[in-house]
N, C-alpha and C. Protein backbone atom coordinates (compact mmCIF):
# COMPACT_ATOMS: atom_id res chain seq x y z
N MET A 1 15.58 -50.42 -37.29
CA MET A 1 16.01 -49.06 -37.25
C MET A 1 17.23 -48.92 -36.37
N HIS A 2 18.09 -48.11 -36.85
CA HIS A 2 19.31 -47.83 -36.10
C HIS A 2 19.25 -46.39 -35.60
N SER A 3 19.55 -46.25 -34.35
CA SER A 3 19.57 -44.91 -33.76
C SER A 3 20.97 -44.35 -33.87
N ARG A 4 21.05 -43.16 -34.34
CA ARG A 4 22.36 -42.54 -34.46
C ARG A 4 22.64 -41.71 -33.22
N PRO A 5 23.89 -41.66 -32.78
CA PRO A 5 24.23 -40.87 -31.60
C PRO A 5 23.89 -39.39 -31.76
N ALA A 6 23.96 -38.88 -32.96
CA ALA A 6 23.66 -37.46 -33.18
C ALA A 6 22.18 -37.19 -32.94
N ALA A 7 21.30 -38.12 -33.34
CA ALA A 7 19.87 -37.95 -33.13
C ALA A 7 19.54 -38.00 -31.63
N LEU A 8 20.18 -38.89 -30.91
CA LEU A 8 19.98 -38.99 -29.47
C LEU A 8 20.43 -37.71 -28.78
N LEU A 9 21.56 -37.19 -29.20
CA LEU A 9 22.07 -35.95 -28.62
C LEU A 9 21.11 -34.80 -28.91
N LEU A 10 20.57 -34.76 -30.11
CA LEU A 10 19.62 -33.71 -30.48
C LEU A 10 18.35 -33.82 -29.64
N ASP A 11 17.86 -35.05 -29.42
CA ASP A 11 16.68 -35.26 -28.58
C ASP A 11 16.92 -34.77 -27.15
N VAL A 12 18.08 -35.08 -26.62
CA VAL A 12 18.43 -34.65 -25.26
C VAL A 12 18.49 -33.13 -25.18
N LEU A 13 19.12 -32.50 -26.16
CA LEU A 13 19.23 -31.04 -26.16
C LEU A 13 17.85 -30.37 -26.25
N ILE A 14 16.99 -30.90 -27.09
CA ILE A 14 15.63 -30.34 -27.20
C ILE A 14 14.87 -30.53 -25.89
N GLY A 15 14.99 -31.70 -25.28
CA GLY A 15 14.33 -31.95 -24.00
C GLY A 15 14.81 -31.01 -22.91
N VAL A 16 16.11 -30.80 -22.83
CA VAL A 16 16.67 -29.89 -21.83
C VAL A 16 16.20 -28.46 -22.09
N ALA A 17 16.15 -28.06 -23.35
CA ALA A 17 15.70 -26.70 -23.69
C ALA A 17 14.24 -26.50 -23.30
N VAL A 18 13.38 -27.47 -23.61
CA VAL A 18 11.96 -27.36 -23.25
C VAL A 18 11.81 -27.32 -21.73
N PHE A 19 12.53 -28.18 -21.04
CA PHE A 19 12.48 -28.18 -19.57
C PHE A 19 12.93 -26.83 -19.02
N GLY A 20 13.99 -26.27 -19.59
CA GLY A 20 14.49 -24.97 -19.15
C GLY A 20 13.46 -23.87 -19.34
N PHE A 21 12.76 -23.88 -20.47
CA PHE A 21 11.72 -22.88 -20.72
C PHE A 21 10.57 -23.02 -19.72
N VAL A 22 10.17 -24.25 -19.43
CA VAL A 22 9.09 -24.47 -18.47
C VAL A 22 9.49 -23.99 -17.08
N VAL A 23 10.67 -24.35 -16.64
CA VAL A 23 11.14 -23.93 -15.31
C VAL A 23 11.25 -22.41 -15.24
N THR A 24 11.78 -21.79 -16.28
CA THR A 24 11.89 -20.33 -16.31
C THR A 24 10.51 -19.69 -16.24
N GLY A 25 9.55 -20.22 -16.95
CA GLY A 25 8.19 -19.69 -16.92
C GLY A 25 7.56 -19.80 -15.54
N VAL A 26 7.75 -20.94 -14.89
CA VAL A 26 7.18 -21.14 -13.55
C VAL A 26 7.83 -20.18 -12.55
N ILE A 27 9.13 -20.04 -12.59
CA ILE A 27 9.82 -19.14 -11.66
C ILE A 27 9.40 -17.70 -11.91
N THR A 28 9.29 -17.29 -13.17
CA THR A 28 8.84 -15.93 -13.49
C THR A 28 7.43 -15.69 -12.97
N ALA A 29 6.54 -16.64 -13.15
CA ALA A 29 5.17 -16.51 -12.65
C ALA A 29 5.15 -16.37 -11.13
N MET A 30 5.99 -17.13 -10.44
CA MET A 30 6.05 -17.04 -8.98
C MET A 30 6.54 -15.67 -8.53
N ILE A 31 7.55 -15.14 -9.19
CA ILE A 31 8.09 -13.83 -8.82
C ILE A 31 7.05 -12.74 -9.05
N ILE A 32 6.39 -12.77 -10.19
CA ILE A 32 5.36 -11.77 -10.49
C ILE A 32 4.22 -11.86 -9.49
N SER A 33 3.82 -13.07 -9.14
CA SER A 33 2.75 -13.27 -8.16
C SER A 33 3.14 -12.72 -6.80
N GLN A 34 4.37 -12.95 -6.38
CA GLN A 34 4.82 -12.45 -5.08
C GLN A 34 4.84 -10.93 -5.06
N ARG A 35 5.31 -10.31 -6.13
CA ARG A 35 5.31 -8.84 -6.21
C ARG A 35 3.88 -8.30 -6.13
N GLY A 36 2.96 -8.96 -6.81
CA GLY A 36 1.56 -8.54 -6.77
C GLY A 36 0.97 -8.63 -5.38
N MET A 37 1.31 -9.71 -4.66
CA MET A 37 0.81 -9.86 -3.30
C MET A 37 1.37 -8.78 -2.38
N LEU A 38 2.65 -8.45 -2.54
CA LEU A 38 3.25 -7.41 -1.71
C LEU A 38 2.61 -6.05 -2.00
N ALA A 39 2.39 -5.75 -3.26
CA ALA A 39 1.76 -4.48 -3.63
C ALA A 39 0.33 -4.43 -3.10
N SER A 40 -0.37 -5.54 -3.15
CA SER A 40 -1.73 -5.61 -2.63
C SER A 40 -1.74 -5.36 -1.13
N GLY A 41 -0.79 -5.94 -0.42
CA GLY A 41 -0.69 -5.71 1.02
C GLY A 41 -0.42 -4.26 1.34
N ASP A 42 0.42 -3.60 0.54
CA ASP A 42 0.69 -2.18 0.74
C ASP A 42 -0.56 -1.35 0.53
N ARG A 43 -1.35 -1.69 -0.49
CA ARG A 43 -2.59 -0.95 -0.75
C ARG A 43 -3.56 -1.11 0.41
N VAL A 44 -3.69 -2.32 0.92
CA VAL A 44 -4.59 -2.56 2.05
C VAL A 44 -4.12 -1.77 3.27
N ARG A 45 -2.83 -1.76 3.52
CA ARG A 45 -2.27 -0.99 4.65
C ARG A 45 -2.57 0.49 4.47
N GLY A 46 -2.41 1.02 3.26
CA GLY A 46 -2.71 2.42 2.98
C GLY A 46 -4.17 2.76 3.22
N VAL A 47 -5.07 1.88 2.79
CA VAL A 47 -6.50 2.10 3.01
C VAL A 47 -6.81 2.12 4.50
N LEU A 48 -6.24 1.20 5.25
CA LEU A 48 -6.48 1.17 6.69
C LEU A 48 -5.96 2.43 7.38
N LEU A 49 -4.80 2.92 6.95
CA LEU A 49 -4.26 4.16 7.53
C LEU A 49 -5.14 5.35 7.19
N ASN A 50 -5.68 5.39 5.97
CA ASN A 50 -6.60 6.47 5.60
C ASN A 50 -7.88 6.40 6.44
N GLN A 51 -8.40 5.21 6.66
CA GLN A 51 -9.59 5.06 7.49
C GLN A 51 -9.32 5.53 8.91
N GLN A 52 -8.14 5.20 9.43
CA GLN A 52 -7.78 5.66 10.77
C GLN A 52 -7.73 7.18 10.81
N ALA A 53 -7.14 7.80 9.79
CA ALA A 53 -7.04 9.26 9.75
C ALA A 53 -8.43 9.90 9.74
N LEU A 54 -9.35 9.33 8.99
CA LEU A 54 -10.71 9.88 8.96
C LEU A 54 -11.40 9.70 10.30
N GLU A 55 -11.14 8.61 10.98
CA GLU A 55 -11.69 8.41 12.32
C GLU A 55 -11.13 9.43 13.31
N VAL A 56 -9.86 9.81 13.12
CA VAL A 56 -9.25 10.85 13.96
C VAL A 56 -10.03 12.15 13.79
N VAL A 57 -10.33 12.52 12.56
CA VAL A 57 -11.08 13.76 12.31
C VAL A 57 -12.46 13.68 12.94
N ARG A 58 -13.11 12.54 12.83
CA ARG A 58 -14.43 12.38 13.47
C ARG A 58 -14.33 12.54 14.98
N SER A 59 -13.29 11.97 15.55
CA SER A 59 -13.09 12.07 16.99
C SER A 59 -12.87 13.52 17.42
N VAL A 60 -12.02 14.24 16.69
CA VAL A 60 -11.76 15.65 17.01
C VAL A 60 -13.03 16.46 16.82
N ARG A 61 -13.78 16.18 15.75
CA ARG A 61 -15.04 16.88 15.51
C ARG A 61 -16.03 16.64 16.64
N ASP A 62 -16.15 15.40 17.08
CA ASP A 62 -17.09 15.08 18.14
C ASP A 62 -16.69 15.73 19.46
N GLU A 63 -15.40 15.90 19.68
CA GLU A 63 -14.91 16.55 20.90
C GLU A 63 -15.23 18.04 20.88
N ASN A 64 -14.88 18.71 19.79
CA ASN A 64 -15.15 20.15 19.66
C ASN A 64 -14.97 20.53 18.20
N PHE A 65 -16.07 20.85 17.53
CA PHE A 65 -16.04 21.18 16.10
C PHE A 65 -15.11 22.35 15.81
N ALA A 66 -14.97 23.26 16.76
CA ALA A 66 -14.12 24.44 16.57
C ALA A 66 -12.64 24.07 16.45
N ASN A 67 -12.25 22.88 16.86
CA ASN A 67 -10.85 22.45 16.76
C ASN A 67 -10.46 22.11 15.32
N LEU A 68 -11.44 22.03 14.43
CA LEU A 68 -11.16 21.71 13.03
C LEU A 68 -10.96 23.02 12.26
N VAL A 69 -9.75 23.25 11.79
CA VAL A 69 -9.42 24.44 11.01
C VAL A 69 -8.78 23.99 9.70
N ALA A 70 -8.81 24.87 8.71
CA ALA A 70 -8.24 24.52 7.41
C ALA A 70 -6.74 24.33 7.52
N GLY A 71 -6.22 23.37 6.76
CA GLY A 71 -4.78 23.13 6.73
C GLY A 71 -4.47 21.67 6.50
N THR A 72 -3.18 21.36 6.53
CA THR A 72 -2.71 19.99 6.37
C THR A 72 -2.09 19.56 7.69
N PHE A 73 -2.51 18.41 8.19
CA PHE A 73 -2.11 17.98 9.52
C PHE A 73 -1.71 16.51 9.55
N GLY A 74 -0.98 16.19 10.58
CA GLY A 74 -0.76 14.82 10.99
C GLY A 74 -1.66 14.61 12.20
N PHE A 75 -1.46 13.54 12.92
CA PHE A 75 -2.27 13.31 14.12
C PHE A 75 -1.49 12.46 15.09
N GLN A 76 -1.87 12.59 16.34
CA GLN A 76 -1.23 11.82 17.41
C GLN A 76 -2.20 11.74 18.58
N VAL A 77 -1.91 10.84 19.48
CA VAL A 77 -2.69 10.75 20.70
C VAL A 77 -2.09 11.73 21.70
N GLY A 78 -2.93 12.63 22.21
CA GLY A 78 -2.45 13.64 23.15
C GLY A 78 -2.23 13.05 24.54
N THR A 79 -1.74 13.88 25.44
CA THR A 79 -1.47 13.43 26.82
C THR A 79 -2.75 13.05 27.54
N ASP A 80 -3.89 13.58 27.07
CA ASP A 80 -5.17 13.25 27.68
C ASP A 80 -5.79 11.98 27.10
N GLY A 81 -5.06 11.31 26.19
CA GLY A 81 -5.54 10.07 25.60
C GLY A 81 -6.48 10.26 24.43
N LYS A 82 -6.64 11.51 23.98
CA LYS A 82 -7.53 11.80 22.86
C LYS A 82 -6.71 12.18 21.64
N TRP A 83 -7.30 12.00 20.46
CA TRP A 83 -6.61 12.34 19.23
C TRP A 83 -6.45 13.84 19.09
N ASP A 84 -5.27 14.27 18.61
CA ASP A 84 -4.98 15.67 18.32
C ASP A 84 -4.47 15.76 16.89
N LEU A 85 -4.81 16.86 16.22
CA LEU A 85 -4.23 17.16 14.91
C LEU A 85 -2.95 17.95 15.16
N SER A 86 -1.85 17.51 14.53
CA SER A 86 -0.58 18.19 14.77
C SER A 86 0.37 17.94 13.61
N GLY A 87 1.30 18.84 13.40
CA GLY A 87 2.32 18.65 12.37
C GLY A 87 1.72 18.62 10.97
N THR A 88 2.45 18.02 10.05
CA THR A 88 1.98 17.95 8.66
C THR A 88 1.77 16.52 8.19
N GLY A 89 2.10 15.55 8.98
CA GLY A 89 1.91 14.16 8.59
C GLY A 89 2.44 13.25 9.68
N VAL A 90 2.02 12.03 9.65
CA VAL A 90 2.50 11.04 10.60
C VAL A 90 3.09 9.88 9.81
N THR A 91 4.30 9.45 10.20
CA THR A 91 4.97 8.36 9.51
C THR A 91 4.98 7.13 10.41
N THR A 92 4.53 6.02 9.86
CA THR A 92 4.50 4.78 10.62
C THR A 92 5.87 4.11 10.59
N ALA A 93 6.03 3.09 11.41
CA ALA A 93 7.31 2.38 11.49
C ALA A 93 7.68 1.71 10.17
N ASP A 94 6.67 1.34 9.38
CA ASP A 94 6.96 0.68 8.10
C ASP A 94 7.05 1.65 6.93
N GLY A 95 7.13 2.96 7.22
CA GLY A 95 7.46 3.94 6.18
C GLY A 95 6.30 4.63 5.50
N PHE A 96 5.07 4.36 5.89
CA PHE A 96 3.93 5.06 5.30
C PHE A 96 3.77 6.42 5.98
N THR A 97 3.46 7.45 5.19
CA THR A 97 3.19 8.78 5.75
C THR A 97 1.75 9.14 5.43
N THR A 98 1.00 9.48 6.47
CA THR A 98 -0.41 9.84 6.31
C THR A 98 -0.60 11.28 6.72
N SER A 99 -1.31 12.03 5.89
CA SER A 99 -1.62 13.42 6.22
C SER A 99 -3.10 13.68 5.95
N LEU A 100 -3.63 14.65 6.67
CA LEU A 100 -5.02 15.06 6.54
C LEU A 100 -5.06 16.48 6.00
N THR A 101 -5.88 16.73 5.01
CA THR A 101 -6.09 18.09 4.51
C THR A 101 -7.53 18.46 4.78
N LEU A 102 -7.72 19.55 5.54
CA LEU A 102 -9.05 20.04 5.87
C LEU A 102 -9.30 21.33 5.10
N GLU A 103 -10.45 21.42 4.46
CA GLU A 103 -10.83 22.61 3.70
C GLU A 103 -12.20 23.07 4.17
N ILE A 104 -12.31 24.36 4.50
CA ILE A 104 -13.60 24.93 4.88
C ILE A 104 -14.35 25.26 3.59
N GLN A 105 -15.55 24.74 3.47
CA GLN A 105 -16.35 24.99 2.28
C GLN A 105 -17.30 26.15 2.53
N GLU A 106 -17.88 26.70 1.46
CA GLU A 106 -18.76 27.86 1.59
C GLU A 106 -19.94 27.59 2.50
N SER A 107 -20.42 26.38 2.52
CA SER A 107 -21.58 26.04 3.33
C SER A 107 -21.24 25.95 4.82
N GLY A 108 -19.95 26.05 5.14
CA GLY A 108 -19.53 25.91 6.53
C GLY A 108 -19.10 24.49 6.87
N ALA A 109 -19.38 23.57 5.96
CA ALA A 109 -18.94 22.19 6.17
C ALA A 109 -17.43 22.12 5.97
N ILE A 110 -16.85 21.06 6.43
CA ILE A 110 -15.41 20.87 6.28
C ILE A 110 -15.17 19.64 5.41
N GLY A 111 -14.41 19.86 4.33
CA GLY A 111 -14.01 18.75 3.47
C GLY A 111 -12.71 18.16 3.98
N VAL A 112 -12.64 16.86 4.04
CA VAL A 112 -11.46 16.19 4.57
C VAL A 112 -10.90 15.23 3.52
N THR A 113 -9.59 15.32 3.31
CA THR A 113 -8.90 14.39 2.42
C THR A 113 -7.77 13.74 3.20
N ALA A 114 -7.76 12.42 3.24
CA ALA A 114 -6.67 11.68 3.88
C ALA A 114 -5.80 11.11 2.77
N THR A 115 -4.48 11.32 2.90
CA THR A 115 -3.54 10.85 1.89
C THR A 115 -2.45 10.03 2.56
N THR A 116 -2.21 8.84 2.03
CA THR A 116 -1.15 7.98 2.54
C THR A 116 -0.20 7.67 1.40
N THR A 117 1.09 7.91 1.63
CA THR A 117 2.10 7.61 0.62
C THR A 117 3.15 6.68 1.21
């Protein structure tokens, strides 16, 4: 059998094309995976900030239930070292904003919604 230069060139081109597709697929999978991990980290951070906000409401409630009034609030540590409800939201250094919405229900209970964006 005689190998023709054109057949060899065609084999090389097909090999390079297949290799290129494989490399492109691997790189695309890595990029998608990294984006997913970053989004997952953001969701975890948001959940933790919401949990902190709910703990703030529990702390204020335990201090004095009368301090809980209807509205949308942020929170901060007061000069006395205790949590205070203030403003309309609190923004962290990494750009998340957490706010608390308190609603007085007919039963006298207070409904609390923590939102982090």
